[in-house]
Amino acid sequence: MKFSYPLAATTFGAEEIEAAKAVLDSNQFTMGECVKRFEAEFAAWVGAKHALMVNSGSSSNLLMVDAMIRRSKGNAPWKKGDEVLVPALAWPTTVWPLVQLGLVPVYVDVDPKTLAIDLESARSALTPKTKGMFLIHVLGQCADMAATLAFCRDHGISLLEDNCESLGANFDGTAAGNFGVMASYSCYYSHHISTMEGGMITTNDSELFDDLRSLRAHGWVRDRGDKTEWEAKYPELDPRFMFVLPGYNVRPLEISAAMGSVQLRKLDAMLDSREKLASEVAGWTKQFAPWMTLIGAEHLAAKDGGRRGRRHSWMTFPFRLDANAPIKVAKVKEIFETNGVDTRPVIAGNLARHPANLHAETRTANSLANCDALLERGFMIGCHPLVDPKGRAALESAFRALGKI
């Protein structure tokens, strides 16, 4: 079915096309100067010391988890068999790298307002083997980082941030992704900026950044800041083909980075447009479907305060029906789709309920009630920074149709 208001739509224009053509004309296609430039620009935009580009946000998560169990120098924070707290409201590529690398994900419930990890649920699931938390900033909304950091300090656990969905969100003036050991970002088609496929990792730890560089490309020493130390330590090896970690090949393309630089320059304006549309959608929800909650709408009342004042960057619009709503969520989605508006579940709803877990060692908190509510009564629609009149009309008509229930 072709939707007038799809879940995601392109934000590419003439500038991105010209940037891509320039790369094709250059004859340098994989990981070169465009990648280095985009990494530096991205790090500066989010306020991190280092940024590393890879081929996807999923690969960002994979490399981060690997770097927590393997270090080229000193001891790694985690070891195989350790437990890591994860939200049951998750995309699989936050959780599966833990399984794939021998760690044990522990599913916990989420807070109904932020959709991030509920700290009381997390506390109930702690054991002596709990060594980490993989926090997700969900669909544009930054988690409560004061409480989250206090929890991690109190229990001596390391924090990773999955910020693939929330580029541009902040907490008390600090960009999401700058609170943990490192953070992941996605530049996939449907995210805040698009490089077609692509991802980033940010960190303020220079030694860790070197290990991430190695893990990105076969374990090579060639891109590391401490390359000369390794050359001196192993003089019998040709430094052009020296490997210090069991790495991967998740290198990005120059064409993706060139387009990413253009997209990054547009990001502030696109975030403003997303927020403006969110205000309209919040108004329509209140007017036509007061028995339905636009999750995160309370942040629209806050003053912006510039780039670092934005708590919510609105990747999509997640909704939850009240328990006493006059219709079921299936009917709501049917009404939206009949009016040309694409719908999806709120991420996986409750990943702990999915059959893939039959192939993994996991553990689950005693209750996942809030995730179950999202699975049973939640859905989401897209949030577009560029909405054509036909798409906006379809969106408004869907809400007006709900008002006739």
Protein backbone atom coordinates (compact mmCIF):
# COMPACT_ATOMS: atom_id res chain seq x y z
CA MET A 1 0.00 0.00 0.00
CA LYS A 2 1.32 3.46 -0.88
CA PHE A 3 0.88 5.87 2.02
CA SER A 4 0.50 9.63 1.66
CA TYR A 5 2.19 9.91 5.05
CA PRO A 6 4.75 7.06 5.25
CA LEU A 7 6.75 6.10 8.31
CA ALA A 8 9.85 7.74 6.82
CA ALA A 9 10.59 10.00 3.87
CA THR A 10 13.75 11.28 2.24
CA THR A 11 15.39 14.52 3.34
CA PHE A 12 17.95 14.48 0.53
CA GLY A 13 18.18 17.47 -1.79
CA ALA A 14 20.48 18.82 -4.49
CA GLU A 15 23.37 19.35 -2.04
CA GLU A 16 23.48 15.69 -1.01
CA ILE A 17 23.32 14.55 -4.64
CA GLU A 18 26.19 16.87 -5.58
CA ALA A 19 28.24 15.62 -2.62
CA ALA A 20 27.68 12.03 -3.73
CA LYS A 21 28.67 12.83 -7.31
CA ALA A 22 31.88 14.48 -6.11
CA VAL A 23 32.84 11.26 -4.33
CA LEU A 24 32.15 9.18 -7.43
CA ASP A 25 34.32 11.53 -9.46
CA SER A 26 37.13 11.32 -6.90
CA ASN A 27 37.74 7.57 -7.28
CA GLN A 28 38.06 7.25 -3.46
CA PHE A 29 35.07 5.18 -2.39
CA THR A 30 35.81 3.67 1.03
CA MET A 31 36.77 5.33 4.31
CA GLY A 32 38.93 8.31 3.42
CA GLU A 33 38.97 12.05 3.93
CA CYS A 34 35.18 12.48 3.76
CA VAL A 35 34.78 10.01 6.64
CA LYS A 36 37.43 11.81 8.72
CA ARG A 37 35.74 15.16 8.10
CA PHE A 38 32.28 13.87 8.96
CA GLU A 39 33.61 12.25 12.15
CA ALA A 40 35.15 15.54 13.28
CA GLU A 41 31.98 17.49 12.44
CA PHE A 42 29.77 14.97 14.22
CA ALA A 43 31.93 14.96 17.36
CA ALA A 44 31.79 18.75 17.48
CA TRP A 45 28.01 18.81 16.95
CA VAL A 46 27.28 16.44 19.86
CA GLY A 47 30.08 17.77 22.08
CA ALA A 48 32.17 14.59 22.25
CA LYS A 49 35.95 14.27 22.00
CA HIS A 50 35.90 11.46 19.44
CA ALA A 51 33.46 10.10 16.83
CA LEU A 52 33.97 6.94 14.78
CA MET A 53 31.86 6.25 11.69
CA VAL A 54 30.84 2.69 10.79
CA ASN A 55 28.46 1.14 8.27
CA SER A 56 25.36 1.12 10.52
CA GLY A 57 24.02 1.91 13.97
CA SER A 58 23.77 -1.83 14.53
CA SER A 59 27.51 -2.16 13.92
CA SER A 60 28.06 0.70 16.36
CA ASN A 61 26.39 -1.37 19.07
CA LEU A 62 28.38 -4.47 18.12
CA LEU A 63 31.71 -2.66 18.35
CA MET A 64 30.80 -1.00 21.65
CA VAL A 65 29.95 -4.32 23.28
CA ASP A 66 33.12 -5.93 21.88
CA ALA A 67 35.20 -3.07 23.26
CA MET A 68 33.73 -3.72 26.71
CA ILE A 69 35.04 -7.31 26.76
CA ARG A 70 38.32 -6.90 24.82
CA ARG A 71 40.93 -4.18 25.20
CA SER A 72 44.35 -3.98 23.58
CA LYS A 73 45.79 -2.59 26.82
CA GLY A 74 44.78 -3.38 30.39
CA ASN A 75 41.69 -5.17 31.59
CA ALA A 76 38.27 -4.94 29.96
CA PRO A 77 35.29 -3.90 32.14
CA TRP A 78 33.17 -6.96 31.26
CA LYS A 79 33.81 -10.64 30.70
CA LYS A 80 31.78 -13.43 29.15
CA GLY A 81 28.94 -14.51 31.41
CA ASP A 82 28.43 -11.05 32.91
CA GLU A 83 24.89 -9.67 32.95
CA VAL A 84 23.87 -6.41 31.30
CA LEU A 85 20.57 -4.64 32.01
CA VAL A 86 18.59 -3.88 28.83
CA PRO A 87 15.10 -2.45 28.27
CA ALA A 88 12.55 -4.92 26.97
CA LEU A 89 11.38 -2.06 24.75
CA ALA A 90 14.29 -2.33 22.34
CA TRP A 91 15.39 -2.87 18.80
CA PRO A 92 17.11 -6.28 18.52
CA THR A 93 20.52 -4.88 17.61
CA THR A 94 20.89 -3.40 21.07
CA VAL A 95 20.44 -6.82 22.65
CA TRP A 96 21.83 -9.40 20.22
CA PRO A 97 25.48 -8.20 20.34
CA LEU A 98 25.44 -9.05 24.05
CA VAL A 99 24.24 -12.57 23.24
CA GLN A 100 26.62 -12.96 20.31
CA LEU A 101 29.62 -12.00 22.46
CA GLY A 102 28.80 -14.24 25.42
CA LEU A 103 27.10 -11.77 27.77
CA VAL A 104 23.65 -12.23 29.32
CA PRO A 105 20.99 -9.57 28.61
CA VAL A 106 18.62 -8.98 31.52
CA TYR A 107 15.32 -7.57 30.29
CA VAL A 108 13.81 -4.91 32.55
CA ASP A 109 10.70 -2.76 32.27
CA VAL A 110 10.57 0.83 31.03
CA ASP A 111 9.28 4.07 32.48
CA PRO A 112 5.88 4.91 30.94
CA LYS A 113 6.84 8.59 30.46
CA THR A 114 10.38 8.38 29.07
CA LEU A 115 10.16 4.81 27.64
CA ALA A 116 13.74 4.35 28.90
CA ILE A 117 14.82 1.80 31.52
CA ASP A 118 12.72 1.91 34.69
CA LEU A 119 15.29 2.08 37.48
CA GLU A 120 13.09 0.31 40.05
CA SER A 121 12.64 -2.59 37.66
CA ALA A 122 16.40 -2.55 37.03
CA ARG A 123 17.09 -2.57 40.78
CA SER A 124 14.84 -5.59 41.25
CA ALA A 125 16.83 -7.52 38.64
CA LEU A 126 20.33 -6.88 40.03
CA THR A 127 22.60 -9.78 40.96
CA PRO A 128 26.33 -9.95 41.74
CA LYS A 129 26.86 -10.76 38.04
CA THR A 130 25.26 -7.49 36.84
CA LYS A 131 28.12 -5.44 35.39
CA GLY A 132 26.48 -3.10 32.92
CA MET A 133 23.49 -1.22 31.59
CA PHE A 134 22.74 -0.66 27.91
CA LEU A 135 20.40 2.33 28.02
CA ILE A 136 18.28 3.35 25.04
CA HIS A 137 17.17 6.95 24.56
CA VAL A 138 13.84 6.13 22.94
CA LEU A 139 12.43 7.68 19.75
CA GLY A 140 13.90 11.12 20.40
CA GLN A 141 13.46 11.47 24.16
CA CYS A 142 16.52 11.68 26.39
CA ALA A 143 16.30 9.55 29.53
CA ASP A 144 16.59 11.00 33.05
CA MET A 145 20.38 10.96 33.17
CA ALA A 146 20.77 12.32 36.71
CA ALA A 147 18.89 9.34 38.13
CA THR A 148 20.47 6.88 35.69
CA LEU A 149 24.04 7.95 36.46
CA ALA A 150 23.36 7.82 40.20
CA PHE A 151 21.98 4.28 39.81
CA CYS A 152 25.05 3.14 37.87
CA ARG A 153 27.44 4.71 40.39
CA ASP A 154 25.59 3.21 43.36
CA HIS A 155 25.74 -0.28 41.89
CA GLY A 156 29.18 -0.11 40.25
CA ILE A 157 28.00 -0.84 36.74
CA SER A 158 29.23 0.54 33.41
CA LEU A 159 26.84 2.48 31.18
CA LEU A 160 26.54 2.27 27.41
CA GLU A 161 24.11 4.55 25.58
CA ASP A 162 22.17 3.58 22.48
CA ASN A 163 21.36 6.98 21.03
CA CYS A 164 20.45 5.73 17.56
CA GLU A 165 16.93 7.14 17.91
CA SER A 166 17.63 10.41 19.72
CA LEU A 167 20.29 12.51 18.02
CA GLY A 168 19.64 16.10 19.07
CA ALA A 169 18.12 15.28 22.47
CA ASN A 170 19.77 16.64 25.64
CA PHE A 171 19.62 16.48 29.41
CA ASP A 172 20.39 19.63 31.40
CA GLY A 173 22.43 21.10 28.56
CA THR A 174 24.44 17.97 27.71
CA ALA A 175 23.71 16.00 24.56
CA ALA A 176 22.45 12.44 24.95
CA GLY A 177 25.35 10.10 24.30
CA ASN A 178 27.83 11.99 26.47
CA PHE A 179 27.02 10.31 29.79
CA GLY A 180 28.25 6.73 29.47
CA VAL A 181 31.48 5.03 28.43
CA MET A 182 30.44 5.44 24.78
CA ALA A 183 27.31 5.87 22.68
CA SER A 184 25.92 4.69 19.36
CA TYR A 185 24.05 6.61 16.67
CA SER A 186 22.28 5.60 13.47
CA CYS A 187 22.25 7.47 10.17
CA TYR A 188 19.76 5.12 8.55
CA TYR A 189 17.13 6.41 6.15
CA SER A 190 14.42 6.89 8.79
CA HIS A 191 16.58 8.61 11.43
CA HIS A 192 17.38 12.25 12.22
CA ILE A 193 20.08 12.45 9.57
CA SER A 194 20.57 9.95 6.79
CA THR A 195 23.68 8.66 5.06
CA MET A 196 21.56 5.89 3.45
CA GLU A 197 23.25 3.37 5.74
CA GLY A 198 25.69 4.41 8.45
CA GLY A 199 26.36 4.76 12.15
CA MET A 200 28.58 6.55 14.68
CA ILE A 201 30.18 5.84 18.03
CA THR A 202 31.21 8.69 20.32
CA THR A 203 33.51 8.54 23.34
CA ASN A 204 35.77 10.81 25.36
CA ASP A 205 38.27 8.00 26.05
CA SER A 206 41.22 8.20 23.61
CA GLU A 207 42.53 4.68 24.32
CA LEU A 208 39.07 3.25 23.81
CA PHE A 209 38.75 5.25 20.59
CA ASP A 210 41.93 3.57 19.30
CA ASP A 211 40.48 0.14 20.05
CA LEU A 212 37.27 1.05 18.24
CA ARG A 213 39.33 2.09 15.22
CA SER A 214 40.98 -1.33 15.23
CA LEU A 215 37.72 -3.21 15.71
CA ARG A 216 36.15 -1.34 12.78
CA ALA A 217 38.73 -2.65 10.28
CA HIS A 218 40.03 -6.18 10.89
CA GLY A 219 41.88 -5.28 14.09
CA TRP A 220 44.37 -3.19 12.11
CA VAL A 221 46.85 -0.94 13.84
CA ARG A 222 47.01 1.49 10.91
CA ASP A 223 44.49 4.15 12.06
CA ARG A 224 45.43 4.18 15.75
CA GLY A 225 46.91 7.18 17.52
CA ASP A 226 49.41 4.86 19.27
CA LYS A 227 50.53 3.13 16.06
CA THR A 228 54.23 3.90 16.65
CA GLU A 229 54.13 2.15 20.04
CA TRP A 230 52.92 -1.05 18.39
CA GLU A 231 55.51 -0.74 15.64
CA ALA A 232 58.28 -0.46 18.24
CA LYS A 233 56.91 -3.40 20.23
CA TYR A 234 56.67 -5.71 17.20
CA PRO A 235 59.48 -4.61 14.83
CA GLU A 236 59.38 -7.95 13.02
CA LEU A 237 55.86 -7.24 11.69
CA ASP A 238 55.06 -5.04 8.70
CA PRO A 239 52.96 -2.23 10.28
CA ARG A 240 50.82 -2.03 7.17
CA PHE A 241 49.44 -5.48 8.01
CA MET A 242 49.62 -5.60 11.81
CA PHE A 243 46.57 -6.66 13.85
CA VAL A 244 46.11 -5.95 17.56
CA LEU A 245 42.50 -7.09 18.13
CA PRO A 246 40.15 -9.66 16.54
CA GLY A 247 38.19 -7.08 14.60
CA TYR A 248 35.46 -6.85 11.97
CA ASN A 249 35.00 -5.12 8.65
CA VAL A 250 32.29 -2.54 9.27
CA ARG A 251 33.94 0.36 7.47
CA PRO A 252 31.75 3.14 6.06
CA LEU A 253 31.71 4.52 2.54
CA GLU A 254 32.96 7.93 1.49
CA ILE A 255 29.70 8.66 -0.31
CA SER A 256 27.77 8.14 2.93
CA ALA A 257 30.06 10.45 4.87
CA ALA A 258 29.91 13.17 2.22
CA MET A 259 26.11 13.12 2.33
CA GLY A 260 26.23 13.02 6.13
CA SER A 261 28.19 16.26 6.29
CA VAL A 262 25.46 17.96 4.27
CA GLN A 263 22.73 16.47 6.45
CA LEU A 264 24.48 17.55 9.64
CA ARG A 265 24.44 21.17 8.44
CA LYS A 266 20.65 20.89 8.06
CA LEU A 267 20.06 19.12 11.36
CA ASP A 268 19.15 22.11 13.56
CA ALA A 269 16.53 23.25 11.07
CA MET A 270 15.15 19.72 10.70
CA LEU A 271 14.88 19.36 14.48
CA ASP A 272 12.92 22.61 14.64
CA SER A 273 10.56 21.30 11.94
CA ARG A 274 10.08 18.01 13.78
CA GLU A 275 9.20 19.88 16.97
CA LYS A 276 6.74 22.13 15.15
CA LEU A 277 4.95 19.09 13.69
CA ALA A 278 4.98 17.43 17.13
CA SER A 279 3.10 20.43 18.53
CA GLU A 280 0.45 20.07 15.83
CA VAL A 281 0.11 16.33 16.44
CA ALA A 282 -0.17 16.90 20.20
CA GLY A 283 -2.98 19.36 19.57
CA TRP A 284 -4.86 16.97 17.27
CA THR A 285 -4.47 14.17 19.80
CA LYS A 286 -5.91 16.28 22.60
CA GLN A 287 -8.77 17.51 20.41
CA PHE A 288 -9.80 14.33 18.61
CA ALA A 289 -8.48 11.41 20.70
CA PRO A 290 -8.13 12.45 24.36
CA TRP A 291 -8.18 8.76 25.30
CA MET A 292 -4.77 8.39 23.63
CA THR A 293 -1.40 9.68 24.91
CA LEU A 294 1.34 11.12 22.70
CA ILE A 295 4.28 9.92 24.78
CA GLY A 296 6.73 12.74 25.53
CA ALA A 297 4.34 15.58 24.67
CA GLU A 298 5.06 17.28 28.01
CA HIS A 299 8.45 18.38 26.66
CA LEU A 300 6.74 20.58 24.06
CA ALA A 301 5.77 23.01 26.82
CA ALA A 302 9.42 23.61 27.74
CA LYS A 303 11.39 26.52 26.33
CA ASP A 304 13.90 25.45 23.69
CA GLY A 305 16.94 27.40 24.85
CA GLY A 306 18.89 26.57 21.69
CA ARG A 307 20.47 23.33 20.57
CA ARG A 308 21.32 22.12 24.08
CA GLY A 309 17.94 23.03 25.56
CA ARG A 310 15.99 20.39 23.64
CA ARG A 311 15.07 17.32 25.73
CA HIS A 312 13.15 15.63 22.88
CA SER A 313 14.19 15.40 19.22
CA TRP A 314 11.09 13.52 17.94
CA MET A 315 12.22 10.66 15.72
CA THR A 316 8.66 9.29 15.55
CA PHE A 317 5.35 9.83 17.35
CA PRO A 318 4.69 7.00 19.86
CA PHE A 319 1.16 6.64 21.22
CA ARG A 320 -0.41 4.57 23.99
CA LEU A 321 -4.16 4.08 24.29
CA ASP A 322 -5.71 4.43 27.73
CA ALA A 323 -6.91 1.19 29.29
CA ASN A 324 -10.51 2.46 28.93
CA ALA A 325 -10.16 3.72 25.34
CA PRO A 326 -13.37 3.31 23.31
CA ILE A 327 -11.63 1.19 20.62
CA LYS A 328 -8.71 -1.22 20.40
CA VAL A 329 -5.31 -0.30 19.01
CA ALA A 330 -5.89 -2.47 15.92
CA LYS A 331 -8.86 -0.30 14.98
CA VAL A 332 -6.89 2.90 15.56
CA LYS A 333 -4.13 1.66 13.24
CA GLU A 334 -6.73 0.66 10.68
CA ILE A 335 -8.20 4.18 10.74
CA PHE A 336 -4.77 5.75 10.30
CA GLU A 337 -3.84 3.46 7.45
CA THR A 338 -7.20 3.86 5.71
CA ASN A 339 -6.47 7.60 5.72
CA GLY A 340 -3.02 7.07 4.22
CA VAL A 341 -0.89 7.19 7.39
CA ASP A 342 1.65 4.39 7.87
CA THR A 343 1.81 2.79 11.36
CA ARG A 344 4.17 0.50 13.26
CA PRO A 345 4.45 -1.00 16.75
CA VAL A 346 6.40 1.06 19.28
CA ILE A 347 9.74 -0.55 18.38
CA ALA A 348 9.41 -4.24 19.37
CA GLY A 349 6.84 -3.51 22.08
CA ASN A 350 8.33 -6.13 24.36
CA LEU A 351 11.36 -7.85 22.87
CA ALA A 352 11.37 -10.41 25.68
CA ARG A 353 8.18 -11.91 24.19
CA HIS A 354 9.70 -12.52 20.74
CA PRO A 355 10.66 -16.04 19.61
CA ALA A 356 14.30 -15.12 18.90
CA ASN A 357 14.91 -15.41 22.64
CA LEU A 358 14.53 -19.18 22.33
CA HIS A 359 18.00 -19.07 20.77
CA ALA A 360 19.60 -16.90 23.46
CA GLU A 361 20.51 -16.98 27.13
CA THR A 362 18.60 -14.13 28.73
CA ARG A 363 17.01 -13.25 32.05
CA THR A 364 13.88 -11.20 32.70
CA ALA A 365 12.68 -8.99 35.55
CA ASN A 366 9.61 -10.20 37.45
CA SER A 367 7.31 -7.71 35.71
CA LEU A 368 7.39 -6.05 32.29
CA ALA A 369 3.96 -4.48 32.69
CA ASN A 370 4.74 -1.18 30.95
CA CYS A 371 6.33 -2.93 27.97
CA ASP A 372 3.34 -5.26 27.77
CA ALA A 373 1.03 -2.23 27.73
CA LEU A 374 2.98 -0.80 24.79
CA LEU A 375 2.81 -4.16 23.04
CA GLU A 376 -0.96 -4.36 23.57
CA ARG A 377 -2.04 -0.70 23.36
CA GLY A 378 0.80 1.16 21.64
CA PHE A 379 1.75 2.15 18.10
CA MET A 380 3.75 4.83 16.36
CA ILE A 381 3.68 6.94 13.22
CA GLY A 382 6.45 8.87 11.50
CA CYS A 383 7.66 12.36 12.32
CA HIS A 384 8.87 14.13 9.19
CA PRO A 385 11.04 17.25 9.08
CA LEU A 386 9.73 17.89 5.55
CA VAL A 387 5.99 17.28 5.13
CA ASP A 388 4.26 17.93 1.82
CA PRO A 389 0.67 19.27 1.86
CA LYS A 390 -0.78 15.90 0.83
CA GLY A 391 0.96 14.13 3.69
CA ARG A 392 -0.08 16.71 6.25
CA ALA A 393 -3.69 16.53 5.04
CA ALA A 394 -3.66 12.73 5.39
CA LEU A 395 -2.33 13.02 8.92
CA GLU A 396 -4.94 15.57 9.98
CA SER A 397 -7.76 13.56 8.35
CA ALA A 398 -6.73 10.46 10.32
CA PHE A 399 -7.04 12.36 13.61
CA ARG A 400 -10.35 13.86 12.57
CA ALA A 401 -11.60 10.35 11.79
CA LEU A 402 -10.66 9.31 15.34
CA GLY A 403 -12.76 12.22 16.62
CA LYS A 404 -15.85 10.61 15.11
CA ILE A 405 -15.51 7.49 17.27
